[in-house]
Amino acid sequence: MLLRKIQLYTTLIAVIFCCAITNQFMQATFAAGREVSIPDFQFQPIRPTKAVTIREAVEVALRNYPSIANRQFKLRAAKASVTLAKTQYLPNLNWDIQESGVTSNRIASNVMNNVSGFDTVPVNSGPSASSSNLKPLVNNLEGLNLNCLLVDFGLRHANDDFARADARTARADVRLTELDVAFEAADAFLTAVAAKQVIRSAQALLDRMEAGDLRARTLVAKGLQPGVDAASWQFDVAKAKITVIKADKDIKLALVDLAERMGIANADIDVVCETLIMSPIEIRQSGPFDLSSHPLALLKVAEIERWKAKVKVLDKAYYPHVWLNASLWGLGSGAGGNINPIRSVAGGVLPQVFNYMVGASLSFPIMEYFPLKAEKRMAFNNEMAAKADFDLAMQILEKKDARARILLAEARQVAEETPLMVQAAKVQEIKTLKRYRTGLTNMVSVAEAEHALAQAEVEDALAQIEVWRSILALGYVQGDLHPFLQLVAIAEGNSGQATDSGSEFRR
């Protein structure tokens, strides 16, 4: 019985294994004729949950957005270019083997060099033939040729430096792209949060309007209010519904934009916004920030260094080159007798005589002076243009830094006043409703109070979001979003996930 069970389990495992192999084979068969992507863990997309926080949105964007993968692969290509530049130090070593059947019809003649159409005429050495014969003779030629550049006066080293400068430029471009993607995802998230607060306020206003409409209908039915109040409430209810419909459209479009910024445009997502509608802790403002460490500035500096390296390459290109040349070759021919006194090997299939050569040569590109001079002038002017781009980038960053500081200060001041406005609007609503129930005011005053409360609630939520947006803008212009994400983690109560990035915070 035990043996039978073992055989059964063995058969089952074999069947499962065969099914798996067949499945893999069928997948490979169906994939034939089209490109099959090679998985790379660094660029594996990740899917978020339906409701995401702003930190999760940034993380998903950094893993999914195609422009980052584009820059990463360009960086890989630049690193491969560095490896390619290092191969310049390797010598050239060629091994050639030639087997041919050649007729021996030769006469005394000359062929001029560089005559168009005669470059393919083979060299046919040996004494002149006494008669024409079309019977071919087997010939063999084998050769090993070595050419090594001994002295280049720093040209290869300059090419190495240029390749490394190109890689540094690509690496700086990756960092700038990551910063841009993270900022745009966070900014789109805040836009979606703002749209969500608008629709919440519009829905709350609609609920209050419907409740007021119900009260008005009751009072009108009892004869305590005129019938026109019921019609006015119906108008305000319809208007509030239209506002809700428009707000719903805005939040849906904002979520679509956010999904696109996260690299998952076809995903249905929602935002967790409770943290971002509360006032964040204050940032202790520091002195002037060193904007030269911003990824944009680093990219511009890398471009300057790249063109400097190009100028050095062109400087070294006009120096002479000293080569070591060495060759070893063998010849074989099936011709015997008086033509080739040395006995042939295997009927001319293998070499029967060998020769070698060792020497040195010097090459100097005399007439390359003029094109190299023009190329050097181009590279120098491109370097000056890159320096101008750096100055322009610094001007833009300094302007954005000043604007971000001003906007943050103003947003803070507004955010401190809006809660008071909400409280006052709530008190006004309560008092107006009491007066309306006692017949001391009309429904117009009640509707105005409801609208004022809804507007105050929206402005309060948007004011807090604007503070977060200003902190985000300040982090972007300083080239580091970690302080912003730290504030978010602290507001969420995950202070353990907030790592120190050099910024100081206080409540």
Protein backbone atom coordinates (compact mmCIF):
# COMPACT_ATOMS: atom_id res chain seq x y z
CA MET A 1 0.00 0.00 0.00
CA LEU A 2 2.81 2.42 0.88
CA LEU A 3 4.63 1.63 -2.35
CA ARG A 4 1.44 2.29 -4.35
CA LYS A 5 1.00 5.70 -2.67
CA ILE A 6 4.59 6.61 -3.44
CA GLN A 7 4.10 5.66 -7.10
CA LEU A 8 0.89 7.71 -7.23
CA TYR A 9 2.56 10.80 -5.76
CA THR A 10 5.51 10.40 -8.12
CA THR A 11 3.19 10.19 -11.13
CA LEU A 12 1.27 13.29 -9.96
CA ILE A 13 4.47 15.32 -9.56
CA ALA A 14 5.64 14.24 -13.02
CA VAL A 15 2.31 15.31 -14.57
CA ILE A 16 2.48 18.73 -12.86
CA PHE A 17 6.06 19.18 -14.03
CA CYS A 18 5.15 18.29 -17.62
CA CYS A 19 2.20 20.72 -17.55
CA ALA A 20 4.48 23.52 -16.35
CA ILE A 21 7.03 22.82 -19.07
CA THR A 22 4.28 22.71 -21.69
CA ASN A 23 2.86 26.02 -20.45
CA GLN A 24 6.24 27.72 -20.71
CA PHE A 25 6.74 26.28 -24.20
CA MET A 26 3.33 27.50 -25.36
CA GLN A 27 3.97 30.97 -23.97
CA ALA A 28 7.26 31.14 -25.86
CA THR A 29 5.50 29.93 -29.00
CA PHE A 30 2.74 32.54 -28.78
CA ALA A 31 5.36 35.22 -28.18
CA ALA A 32 7.22 34.40 -31.39
CA GLY A 33 7.31 37.17 -33.93
CA ARG A 34 7.02 40.06 -31.45
CA GLU A 35 9.21 41.86 -28.93
CA VAL A 36 9.29 40.25 -25.49
CA SER A 37 10.44 42.59 -22.73
CA ILE A 38 13.17 41.45 -20.38
CA PRO A 39 12.08 42.06 -16.76
CA ASP A 40 14.26 44.33 -14.66
CA PHE A 41 13.46 44.69 -10.97
CA GLN A 42 14.51 48.32 -10.93
CA PHE A 43 11.79 49.20 -13.42
CA GLN A 44 9.09 46.79 -12.26
CA PRO A 45 5.83 48.81 -12.00
CA ILE A 46 3.91 48.60 -8.78
CA ARG A 47 0.17 48.90 -8.28
CA PRO A 48 -1.12 50.93 -5.36
CA THR A 49 -4.22 50.30 -3.35
CA LYS A 50 -7.38 52.11 -4.38
CA ALA A 51 -6.94 54.90 -1.81
CA VAL A 52 -3.38 56.25 -1.64
CA THR A 53 -1.59 58.73 0.55
CA ILE A 54 0.62 61.42 -0.88
CA ARG A 55 3.77 59.52 0.10
CA GLU A 56 2.47 56.40 -1.63
CA ALA A 57 1.63 58.47 -4.72
CA VAL A 58 5.19 59.80 -4.87
CA GLU A 59 6.64 56.32 -4.38
CA VAL A 60 4.48 54.82 -7.13
CA ALA A 61 5.37 57.68 -9.49
CA LEU A 62 9.09 57.17 -8.91
CA ARG A 63 8.72 53.47 -9.72
CA ASN A 64 6.28 53.72 -12.62
CA TYR A 65 6.72 56.93 -14.57
CA PRO A 66 8.21 56.21 -18.02
CA SER A 67 10.44 59.30 -18.17
CA ILE A 68 12.48 58.00 -15.22
CA ALA A 69 13.01 54.65 -16.94
CA ASN A 70 14.01 56.56 -20.08
CA ARG A 71 16.69 58.53 -18.18
CA GLN A 72 17.84 55.41 -16.36
CA PHE A 73 18.45 53.53 -19.60
CA LYS A 74 20.24 56.57 -21.03
CA LEU A 75 22.46 56.52 -17.95
CA ARG A 76 23.18 52.86 -18.58
CA ALA A 77 24.10 53.69 -22.16
CA ALA A 78 26.44 56.43 -20.91
CA LYS A 79 28.09 53.98 -18.49
CA ALA A 80 28.53 51.54 -21.37
CA SER A 81 30.18 54.38 -23.29
CA VAL A 82 32.72 54.72 -20.46
CA THR A 83 33.50 51.01 -20.77
CA LEU A 84 33.80 51.42 -24.52
CA ALA A 85 36.25 54.28 -24.10
CA LYS A 86 38.49 52.08 -21.94
CA THR A 87 38.75 49.53 -24.74
CA GLN A 88 40.82 52.06 -26.72
CA TYR A 89 43.85 50.86 -24.77
CA LEU A 90 43.54 47.36 -26.24
CA PRO A 91 45.77 46.55 -29.24
CA ASN A 92 44.39 45.57 -32.61
CA LEU A 93 44.96 41.88 -33.31
CA ASN A 94 43.67 40.38 -36.57
CA TRP A 95 43.93 36.83 -37.84
CA ASP A 96 43.11 36.19 -41.47
CA ILE A 97 42.95 32.90 -43.41
CA GLN A 98 42.46 32.76 -47.16
CA GLU A 99 42.06 29.71 -49.38
CA SER A 100 41.72 30.29 -53.12
CA GLY A 101 42.09 28.71 -56.51
CA VAL A 102 44.08 30.99 -58.86
CA THR A 103 45.25 30.59 -62.41
CA SER A 104 48.96 31.26 -63.01
CA ASN A 105 48.68 33.46 -66.14
CA ARG A 106 51.06 36.37 -65.41
CA ILE A 107 52.83 38.90 -67.60
CA ALA A 108 55.07 41.84 -66.90
CA SER A 109 52.72 44.74 -66.21
CA ASN A 110 51.95 47.52 -63.74
CA VAL A 111 48.72 48.74 -62.15
CA MET A 112 48.60 52.31 -60.93
CA ASN A 113 47.46 52.95 -57.37
CA ASN A 114 44.11 54.59 -56.56
CA VAL A 115 42.66 54.00 -60.00
CA SER A 116 38.91 53.80 -59.69
CA GLY A 117 37.61 50.38 -60.56
CA PHE A 118 40.97 48.60 -60.10
CA ASP A 119 41.08 48.45 -56.31
CA THR A 120 39.75 44.89 -56.40
CA VAL A 121 42.42 43.51 -58.76
CA PRO A 122 44.34 40.87 -56.78
CA VAL A 123 48.11 40.92 -56.61
CA ASN A 124 49.42 37.95 -58.63
CA SER A 125 53.13 37.53 -57.91
CA GLY A 126 55.59 35.22 -59.64
CA PRO A 127 57.37 34.92 -62.98
CA SER A 128 55.61 35.52 -66.27
CA ALA A 129 53.83 32.55 -67.77
CA SER A 130 55.00 31.13 -71.10
CA SER A 131 51.47 30.17 -72.09
CA SER A 132 47.90 30.79 -71.00
CA ASN A 133 46.31 28.09 -68.87
CA LEU A 134 42.94 28.29 -67.08
CA LYS A 135 43.63 25.42 -64.71
CA PRO A 136 43.55 26.86 -61.15
CA LEU A 137 46.18 26.23 -58.52
CA VAL A 138 45.34 26.03 -54.85
CA ASN A 139 46.77 28.92 -52.82
CA ASN A 140 46.81 29.57 -49.09
CA LEU A 141 47.43 32.73 -47.10
CA GLU A 142 47.40 33.08 -43.30
CA GLY A 143 48.38 36.14 -41.36
CA LEU A 144 48.44 37.48 -37.79
CA ASN A 145 48.70 41.25 -37.49
CA LEU A 146 49.26 43.25 -34.29
CA ASN A 147 49.00 47.04 -34.05
CA CYS A 148 49.44 48.72 -30.68
CA LEU A 149 49.25 52.46 -30.05
CA LEU A 150 52.24 53.22 -27.83
CA VAL A 151 52.11 57.01 -27.55
CA ASP A 152 49.05 59.20 -28.10
CA PHE A 153 49.95 62.17 -25.84
CA GLY A 154 46.81 61.78 -23.70
CA LEU A 155 44.14 61.40 -26.40
CA ARG A 156 42.70 58.16 -25.01
CA HIS A 157 42.72 59.54 -21.48
CA ALA A 158 40.86 62.63 -22.72
CA ASN A 159 38.29 60.38 -24.39
CA ASP A 160 37.87 58.56 -21.06
CA ASP A 161 37.26 61.86 -19.29
CA PHE A 162 34.72 62.89 -21.92
CA ALA A 163 32.82 59.60 -21.55
CA ARG A 164 32.77 59.99 -17.77
CA ALA A 165 31.56 63.58 -18.10
CA ASP A 166 28.79 62.35 -20.37
CA ALA A 167 27.83 59.75 -17.73
CA ARG A 168 27.77 62.43 -15.02
CA THR A 169 25.43 64.49 -17.18
CA ALA A 170 23.12 61.50 -17.62
CA ARG A 171 23.19 60.82 -13.87
CA ALA A 172 22.29 64.45 -13.10
CA ASP A 173 19.46 64.22 -15.63
CA VAL A 174 18.11 61.16 -13.78
CA ARG A 175 18.09 63.02 -10.47
CA LEU A 176 16.36 66.05 -11.98
CA THR A 177 13.75 63.85 -13.64
CA GLU A 178 13.08 62.03 -10.37
CA LEU A 179 12.62 65.36 -8.60
CA ASP A 180 10.27 66.62 -11.31
CA VAL A 181 8.20 63.43 -11.30
CA ALA A 182 7.92 63.39 -7.50
CA PHE A 183 6.93 67.06 -7.40
CA GLU A 184 4.34 66.73 -10.15
CA ALA A 185 2.80 63.67 -8.47
CA ALA A 186 2.62 65.45 -5.11
CA ASP A 187 1.22 68.60 -6.72
CA ALA A 188 -1.42 66.60 -8.61
CA PHE A 189 -2.29 64.86 -5.33
CA LEU A 190 -2.85 68.22 -3.60
CA THR A 191 -5.01 69.33 -6.54
CA ALA A 192 -7.13 66.18 -6.13
CA VAL A 193 -7.38 66.81 -2.37
CA ALA A 194 -8.56 70.38 -3.03
CA ALA A 195 -11.15 69.14 -5.53
CA LYS A 196 -12.35 66.58 -3.00
CA GLN A 197 -12.84 69.29 -0.37
CA VAL A 198 -14.85 71.35 -2.85
CA ILE A 199 -17.21 68.47 -3.58
CA ARG A 200 -17.54 67.70 0.14
CA SER A 201 -18.50 71.30 0.82
CA ALA A 202 -20.89 71.33 -2.15
CA GLN A 203 -22.52 68.12 -0.91
CA ALA A 204 -22.82 69.53 2.62
CA LEU A 205 -24.44 72.67 1.21
CA LEU A 206 -26.85 70.54 -0.81
CA ASP A 207 -27.77 68.56 2.32
CA ARG A 208 -28.43 71.75 4.25
CA MET A 209 -30.42 73.19 1.36
CA GLU A 210 -32.56 70.06 1.15
CA ALA A 211 -33.14 70.20 4.92
CA GLY A 212 -34.10 73.86 4.61
CA ASP A 213 -36.42 73.03 1.75
CA LEU A 214 -38.10 70.40 3.93
CA ARG A 215 -38.51 72.90 6.78
CA ALA A 216 -39.89 75.51 4.40
CA ARG A 217 -42.43 73.07 2.98
CA THR A 218 -43.54 72.15 6.49
CA LEU A 219 -43.91 75.77 7.56
CA VAL A 220 -45.73 76.68 4.34
CA ALA A 221 -48.09 73.74 4.82
CA LYS A 222 -48.88 74.99 8.34
CA GLY A 223 -49.40 78.52 7.04
CA LEU A 224 -46.47 79.88 9.06
CA GLN A 225 -44.47 80.99 5.98
CA PRO A 226 -45.50 82.29 2.56
CA GLY A 227 -45.56 79.87 -0.35
CA VAL A 228 -42.86 81.80 -2.21
CA ASP A 229 -40.31 80.56 0.33
CA ALA A 230 -40.83 76.97 -0.80
CA ALA A 231 -40.22 77.94 -4.44
CA SER A 232 -37.08 79.86 -3.48
CA TRP A 233 -35.74 76.88 -1.58
CA GLN A 234 -36.36 74.64 -4.60
CA PHE A 235 -34.32 77.04 -6.73
CA ASP A 236 -31.41 76.95 -4.25
CA VAL A 237 -31.60 73.15 -4.03
CA ALA A 238 -31.37 72.82 -7.83
CA LYS A 239 -28.47 75.26 -7.91
CA ALA A 240 -26.66 73.29 -5.20
CA LYS A 241 -27.16 70.05 -7.16
CA ILE A 242 -25.59 71.64 -10.23
CA THR A 243 -22.65 72.71 -8.09
CA VAL A 244 -22.23 69.14 -6.83
CA ILE A 245 -22.29 67.79 -10.40
CA LYS A 246 -19.58 70.23 -11.50
CA ALA A 247 -17.48 69.48 -8.43
CA ASP A 248 -17.82 65.76 -9.11
CA LYS A 249 -16.50 66.33 -12.62
CA ASP A 250 -13.52 68.27 -11.26
CA ILE A 251 -12.56 65.58 -8.73
CA LYS A 252 -12.78 62.83 -11.35
CA LEU A 253 -10.56 64.79 -13.75
CA ALA A 254 -8.12 65.55 -10.93
CA LEU A 255 -7.90 61.84 -10.06
CA VAL A 256 -7.28 60.99 -13.72
CA ASP A 257 -4.46 63.54 -13.82
CA LEU A 258 -3.01 62.11 -10.59
CA ALA A 259 -3.10 58.57 -11.96
CA GLU A 260 -1.26 59.74 -15.07
CA ARG A 261 1.39 61.48 -12.94
CA MET A 262 1.82 58.23 -11.04
CA GLY A 263 2.33 56.28 -14.26
CA ILE A 264 -0.92 54.29 -13.92
CA ALA A 265 -3.27 56.34 -16.09
CA ASN A 266 -5.72 53.47 -16.49
CA ALA A 267 -6.11 52.87 -12.74
CA ASP A 268 -9.12 53.86 -10.65
CA ILE A 269 -7.71 55.47 -7.49
CA ASP A 270 -8.78 57.69 -4.63
CA VAL A 271 -6.85 59.98 -2.27
CA VAL A 272 -6.47 59.93 1.49
CA CYS A 273 -6.76 63.61 2.33
CA GLU A 274 -7.55 63.94 6.06
CA THR A 275 -3.94 64.79 6.91
CA LEU A 276 -3.58 67.50 4.29
CA ILE A 277 -6.61 69.54 5.32
CA MET A 278 -5.01 70.23 8.70
CA SER A 279 -2.40 72.91 9.23
CA PRO A 280 1.12 71.43 9.15
CA ILE A 281 3.74 72.20 11.74
CA GLU A 282 5.79 75.26 11.04
CA ILE A 283 9.17 75.19 9.39
CA ARG A 284 11.91 77.16 11.06
CA GLN A 285 13.05 79.39 8.23
CA SER A 286 16.80 79.24 7.67
CA GLY A 287 19.07 81.66 5.89
CA PRO A 288 19.86 81.68 2.17
CA PHE A 289 19.85 78.15 0.79
CA ASP A 290 22.69 76.90 -1.41
CA LEU A 291 20.75 76.41 -4.63
CA SER A 292 23.87 75.20 -6.45
CA SER A 293 23.11 71.72 -5.09
CA HIS A 294 19.74 71.64 -6.88
CA PRO A 295 19.58 68.83 -9.48
CA LEU A 296 18.93 71.41 -12.21
CA ALA A 297 22.08 73.30 -11.27
CA LEU A 298 24.06 70.05 -11.07
CA LEU A 299 22.82 69.12 -14.54
CA LYS A 300 23.96 72.45 -15.96
CA VAL A 301 27.36 72.10 -14.27
CA ALA A 302 27.69 68.58 -15.70
CA GLU A 303 26.94 69.94 -19.18
CA ILE A 304 29.67 72.57 -18.74
CA GLU A 305 32.16 69.90 -17.68
CA ARG A 306 31.13 67.76 -20.62
CA TRP A 307 32.01 70.47 -23.12
CA LYS A 308 35.28 71.17 -21.27
CA ALA A 309 36.17 67.51 -21.69
CA LYS A 310 35.29 67.74 -25.39
CA VAL A 311 37.69 70.69 -25.78
CA LYS A 312 40.46 68.62 -24.16
CA VAL A 313 39.80 65.75 -26.56
CA LEU A 314 40.18 68.10 -29.52
CA ASP A 315 43.36 69.54 -28.00
CA LYS A 316 44.90 66.07 -27.89
CA ALA A 317 43.68 65.05 -31.35
CA TYR A 318 46.41 66.98 -33.23
CA TYR A 319 49.35 65.20 -31.60
CA PRO A 320 51.28 62.47 -33.49
CA HIS A 321 50.66 58.81 -32.80
CA VAL A 322 53.39 56.20 -32.40
CA TRP A 323 52.36 52.66 -33.27
CA LEU A 324 54.00 49.28 -32.70
CA ASN A 325 53.40 47.07 -35.72
CA ALA A 326 54.01 43.33 -35.86
CA SER A 327 52.94 40.71 -38.39
CA LEU A 328 53.36 37.01 -38.90
CA TRP A 329 52.15 35.41 -42.10
CA GLY A 330 52.48 32.28 -44.16
CA LEU A 331 52.04 31.54 -47.86
CA GLY A 332 51.24 28.35 -49.69
CA SER A 333 50.77 27.48 -53.35
CA GLY A 334 50.10 24.35 -55.33
CA ALA A 335 52.46 25.48 -58.09
CA GLY A 336 55.66 23.38 -58.15
CA GLY A 337 58.60 22.82 -60.35
CA ASN A 338 60.50 25.89 -61.50
CA ILE A 339 57.78 28.28 -60.28
CA ASN A 340 58.00 27.32 -56.58
CA PRO A 341 61.12 25.29 -55.80
CA ILE A 342 59.98 24.90 -52.19
CA ARG A 343 57.77 21.87 -51.85
CA SER A 344 54.08 22.61 -51.35
CA VAL A 345 52.18 21.41 -48.25
CA ALA A 346 48.90 19.56 -48.78
CA GLY A 347 48.80 20.70 -52.38
CA GLY A 348 48.89 24.40 -51.38
CA VAL A 349 46.10 24.16 -48.81
CA LEU A 350 48.55 24.90 -45.94
CA PRO A 351 51.40 27.46 -45.81
CA GLN A 352 54.82 26.33 -46.92
CA VAL A 353 56.80 29.51 -46.14
CA PHE A 354 56.51 31.94 -43.20
CA ASN A 355 57.60 35.53 -42.64
CA TYR A 356 57.38 38.01 -39.79
CA MET A 357 57.73 41.76 -39.40
CA VAL A 358 58.29 43.98 -36.36
CA GLY A 359 58.43 47.75 -36.60
CA ALA A 360 57.16 51.10 -35.43
CA SER A 361 55.34 53.82 -37.29
CA LEU A 362 54.46 57.43 -36.62
CA SER A 363 51.40 59.18 -37.99
CA PHE A 364 50.76 62.90 -37.82
CA PRO A 365 47.47 64.40 -39.14
CA ILE A 366 48.96 67.52 -40.68
CA MET A 367 45.90 68.74 -42.58
CA GLU A 368 43.55 67.92 -39.70
CA TYR A 369 44.60 71.19 -38.06
CA PHE A 370 41.91 73.26 -39.74
CA PRO A 371 38.85 71.02 -39.12
CA LEU A 372 40.04 70.37 -35.55
CA LYS A 373 40.37 74.09 -34.99
CA ALA A 374 36.80 74.64 -36.18
CA GLU A 375 35.51 71.78 -33.99
CA LYS A 376 37.37 73.20 -31.00
CA ARG A 377 35.79 76.60 -31.59
CA MET A 378 32.37 74.94 -31.72
CA ALA A 379 33.03 73.05 -28.47
CA PHE A 380 34.30 76.20 -26.74
CA ASN A 381 31.22 78.18 -27.75
CA ASN A 382 28.98 75.33 -26.59
CA GLU A 383 30.80 75.46 -23.26
CA MET A 384 30.11 79.19 -23.00
CA ALA A 385 26.46 78.54 -23.87
CA ALA A 386 26.29 75.90 -21.14
CA LYS A 387 27.69 78.42 -18.65
CA ALA A 388 25.01 80.90 -19.70
CA ASP A 389 22.39 78.17 -19.19
CA PHE A 390 23.76 77.61 -15.70
CA ASP A 391 23.51 81.32 -14.89
CA LEU A 392 19.93 81.37 -16.22
CA ALA A 393 19.03 78.28 -14.18
CA MET A 394 20.40 79.89 -11.02
CA GLN A 395 18.41 83.05 -11.71
CA ILE A 396 15.23 81.01 -12.11
CA LEU A 397 15.91 78.98 -8.96
CA GLU A 398 16.62 82.09 -6.90
CA LYS A 399 13.41 83.71 -8.13
CA LYS A 400 11.39 80.58 -7.35
CA ASP A 401 13.00 80.34 -3.91
CA ALA A 402 12.02 83.94 -3.09
CA ARG A 403 8.49 83.38 -4.42
CA ALA A 404 8.08 80.14 -2.47
CA ARG A 405 9.12 81.82 0.79
CA ILE A 406 6.68 84.69 0.22
CA LEU A 407 3.83 82.35 -0.75
CA LEU A 408 4.48 80.15 2.30
CA ALA A 409 4.38 83.13 4.67
CA GLU A 410 1.18 84.44 3.11
CA ALA A 411 -0.43 80.99 3.09
CA ARG A 412 0.37 80.62 6.79
CA GLN A 413 -1.31 83.92 7.59
CA VAL A 414 -4.42 83.04 5.60
CA ALA A 415 -4.61 79.58 7.15
CA GLU A 416 -4.61 81.12 10.62
CA GLU A 417 -7.65 83.28 9.79
CA THR A 418 -9.89 80.82 7.95
CA PRO A 419 -10.81 78.71 11.04
CA LEU A 420 -12.12 81.88 12.68
CA MET A 421 -14.16 82.59 9.56
CA VAL A 422 -15.67 79.08 9.67
CA GLN A 423 -16.58 79.47 13.34
CA ALA A 424 -18.22 82.82 12.70
CA ALA A 425 -20.17 81.41 9.73
CA LYS A 426 -21.46 78.52 11.86
CA VAL A 427 -22.66 80.92 14.57
CA GLN A 428 -24.32 83.09 11.94
CA GLU A 429 -26.07 80.04 10.43
CA ILE A 430 -27.44 78.90 13.80
CA LYS A 431 -28.76 82.34 14.66
CA THR A 432 -30.30 82.86 11.23
CA LEU A 433 -32.11 79.51 11.39
CA LYS A 434 -33.51 80.37 14.83
CA ARG A 435 -34.76 83.72 13.57
CA TYR A 436 -36.27 82.07 10.47
CA ARG A 437 -38.19 79.55 12.58
CA THR A 438 -39.65 82.38 14.66
CA GLY A 439 -40.53 84.41 11.56
CA LEU A 440 -38.04 87.23 12.26
CA THR A 441 -36.27 86.85 8.91
CA ASN A 442 -36.89 85.42 5.46
CA MET A 443 -35.40 82.48 3.61
CA VAL A 444 -33.02 84.68 1.63
CA SER A 445 -31.05 85.38 4.78
CA VAL A 446 -31.01 81.66 5.60
CA ALA A 447 -29.73 80.77 2.12
CA GLU A 448 -27.05 83.44 2.35
CA ALA A 449 -25.96 82.06 5.72
CA GLU A 450 -25.75 78.54 4.33
CA HIS A 451 -23.72 79.72 1.33
CA ALA A 452 -21.42 81.71 3.59
CA LEU A 453 -20.79 78.65 5.79
CA ALA A 454 -20.09 76.44 2.75
CA GLN A 455 -17.74 79.04 1.29
CA ALA A 456 -15.94 79.42 4.61
CA GLU A 457 -15.44 75.67 4.95
CA VAL A 458 -14.04 75.45 1.43
CA GLU A 459 -11.69 78.38 1.95
CA ASP A 460 -10.47 76.89 5.23
CA ALA A 461 -9.68 73.52 3.66
CA LEU A 462 -8.06 75.13 0.62
CA ALA A 463 -6.02 77.43 2.84
CA GLN A 464 -4.53 74.48 4.72
CA ILE A 465 -3.86 72.69 1.43
CA GLU A 466 -2.19 75.85 0.09
CA VAL A 467 0.21 75.79 3.04
CA TRP A 468 1.17 72.22 2.13
CA ARG A 469 1.53 73.25 -1.51
CA SER A 470 3.82 76.14 -0.55
CA ILE A 471 6.01 73.80 1.53
CA LEU A 472 6.13 71.43 -1.43
CA ALA A 473 7.16 74.26 -3.77
CA LEU A 474 9.86 75.36 -1.33
CA GLY A 475 11.20 71.81 -1.14
CA TYR A 476 11.23 71.53 -4.94
CA VAL A 477 13.12 74.77 -5.47
CA GLN A 478 15.69 73.63 -2.88
CA GLY A 479 15.99 70.30 -4.68
CA ASP A 480 14.83 68.06 -1.83
CA LEU A 481 11.28 66.87 -1.10
CA HIS A 482 12.27 64.93 2.02
CA PRO A 483 11.38 67.79 4.43
CA PHE A 484 7.90 67.94 2.91
CA LEU A 485 7.42 64.17 3.16
CA GLN A 486 8.72 64.29 6.74
CA LEU A 487 6.04 66.81 7.64
CA VAL A 488 3.43 64.56 6.06
CA ALA A 489 4.72 61.56 8.05
CA ILE A 490 4.62 63.58 11.28
CA ALA A 491 1.08 64.78 10.52
CA GLU A 492 0.05 61.16 9.90
CA GLY A 493 1.55 60.13 13.23
CA ASN A 494 4.35 58.12 11.58
CA SER A 495 7.21 60.13 12.98
CA GLY A 496 9.32 56.98 13.05
CA GLN A 497 9.30 56.99 9.24
CA ALA A 498 10.46 60.60 9.12
CA THR A 499 14.21 60.53 8.66
CA ASP A 500 16.47 63.46 9.39
CA SER A 501 17.37 65.40 6.25
CA GLY A 502 19.09 68.37 7.86
CA SER A 503 16.02 70.60 8.22
CA GLU A 504 14.70 71.76 11.56
CA PHE A 505 11.00 71.78 12.40
CA ARG A 506 8.97 73.00 15.30
CA ARG A 507 5.33 73.12 16.18
